[in-house]
Amino acid sequence: MIRQKGIFLLTITFLSLGAPIHSLTWKEVFEALSPDKYDFPANARNKNVTCWKKIYWEEYIEGDAYTSGYVKEYRKDIKINCP
């Protein structure tokens, strides 16, 4: 078990020697997180831009001497302006 850990640490050490070392500054971190980096309009931040209204209705289809009547269901999604 100890030998496996040693081999693992040795392997990680050799693999990490070839990787370039680059440290981030706080300025780079804050610039990456600033809201100016995104091209969202001011009124669209933290908001759904597209809103949908689900409409459901039923229609009774009358029967005749040969077929019985039935209820036909309709469903429709309509895009509306967001509140």
Protein backbone atom coordinates (compact mmCIF):
# COMPACT_ATOMS: atom_id res chain seq x y z
CA MET A 1 0.00 0.00 0.00
CA ILE A 2 2.77 2.44 0.90
CA ARG A 3 4.73 1.41 -2.19
CA GLN A 4 1.68 2.15 -4.41
CA LYS A 5 1.35 5.63 -2.88
CA GLY A 6 5.03 6.29 -3.47
CA ILE A 7 4.81 5.22 -7.11
CA PHE A 8 1.69 7.35 -7.54
CA LEU A 9 3.36 10.45 -6.07
CA LEU A 10 6.48 9.88 -8.17
CA THR A 11 4.36 9.58 -11.34
CA ILE A 12 2.44 12.75 -10.55
CA THR A 13 5.70 14.59 -9.88
CA PHE A 14 7.21 13.58 -13.24
CA LEU A 15 4.04 14.44 -15.13
CA SER A 16 3.74 17.85 -13.52
CA LEU A 17 7.36 18.82 -14.32
CA GLY A 18 6.51 19.14 -18.01
CA ALA A 19 3.51 21.39 -17.40
CA PRO A 20 4.14 25.14 -17.55
CA ILE A 21 3.54 27.06 -14.34
CA HIS A 22 1.34 30.13 -14.61
CA SER A 23 -0.26 31.85 -11.67
CA LEU A 24 -3.27 34.12 -11.89
CA THR A 25 -3.33 37.52 -10.28
CA TRP A 26 -6.38 38.84 -8.43
CA LYS A 27 -6.79 41.46 -11.15
CA GLU A 28 -7.13 38.73 -13.82
CA VAL A 29 -9.66 36.86 -11.69
CA PHE A 30 -11.83 39.94 -11.10
CA GLU A 31 -11.65 40.96 -14.77
CA ALA A 32 -12.87 37.52 -15.80
CA LEU A 33 -15.82 37.74 -13.39
CA SER A 34 -16.84 41.33 -14.17
CA PRO A 35 -20.36 41.75 -15.59
CA ASP A 36 -19.01 43.92 -18.41
CA LYS A 37 -17.53 40.81 -20.06
CA TYR A 38 -21.00 39.62 -21.08
CA ASP A 39 -23.08 41.22 -23.81
CA PHE A 40 -26.45 40.92 -22.04
CA PRO A 41 -28.75 43.94 -22.06
CA ALA A 42 -29.21 45.49 -18.62
CA ASN A 43 -32.89 44.48 -18.38
CA ALA A 44 -32.17 40.84 -19.30
CA ARG A 45 -29.78 39.99 -16.47
CA ASN A 46 -31.05 37.31 -14.08
CA LYS A 47 -34.25 37.03 -16.08
CA ASN A 48 -35.88 34.72 -18.59
CA VAL A 49 -35.79 36.45 -21.94
CA THR A 50 -38.40 34.21 -23.53
CA CYS A 51 -41.68 33.43 -21.79
CA TRP A 52 -44.27 30.90 -22.87
CA LYS A 53 -47.96 30.54 -22.07
CA LYS A 54 -49.48 27.07 -22.28
CA ILE A 55 -53.07 27.03 -23.51
CA TYR A 56 -55.37 24.05 -23.19
CA TRP A 57 -58.94 23.73 -24.44
CA GLU A 58 -61.45 21.04 -25.24
CA GLU A 59 -64.07 20.73 -27.95
CA TYR A 60 -66.98 18.33 -27.91
CA ILE A 61 -67.51 16.58 -31.23
CA GLU A 62 -71.11 15.40 -31.54
CA GLY A 63 -71.83 11.88 -32.61
CA ASP A 64 -74.43 10.64 -35.02
CA ALA A 65 -76.37 7.44 -35.50
CA TYR A 66 -73.19 5.50 -36.29
CA THR A 67 -70.51 7.01 -34.01
CA SER A 68 -70.58 8.29 -30.48
CA GLY A 69 -69.53 11.79 -29.53
CA TYR A 70 -66.13 12.49 -28.00
CA VAL A 71 -64.07 15.29 -26.51
CA LYS A 72 -61.12 16.52 -28.55
CA GLU A 73 -58.25 18.10 -26.59
CA TYR A 74 -56.01 20.89 -27.88
CA ARG A 75 -52.75 22.18 -26.46
CA LYS A 76 -50.74 25.13 -27.72
CA ASP A 77 -47.64 26.99 -26.51
CA ILE A 78 -47.62 30.70 -27.27
CA LYS A 79 -44.63 33.02 -26.89
CA ILE A 80 -45.56 36.11 -24.86
CA ASN A 81 -43.77 39.20 -23.59
CA CYS A 82 -42.12 38.55 -20.26
CA PRO A 83 -43.55 40.44 -17.28
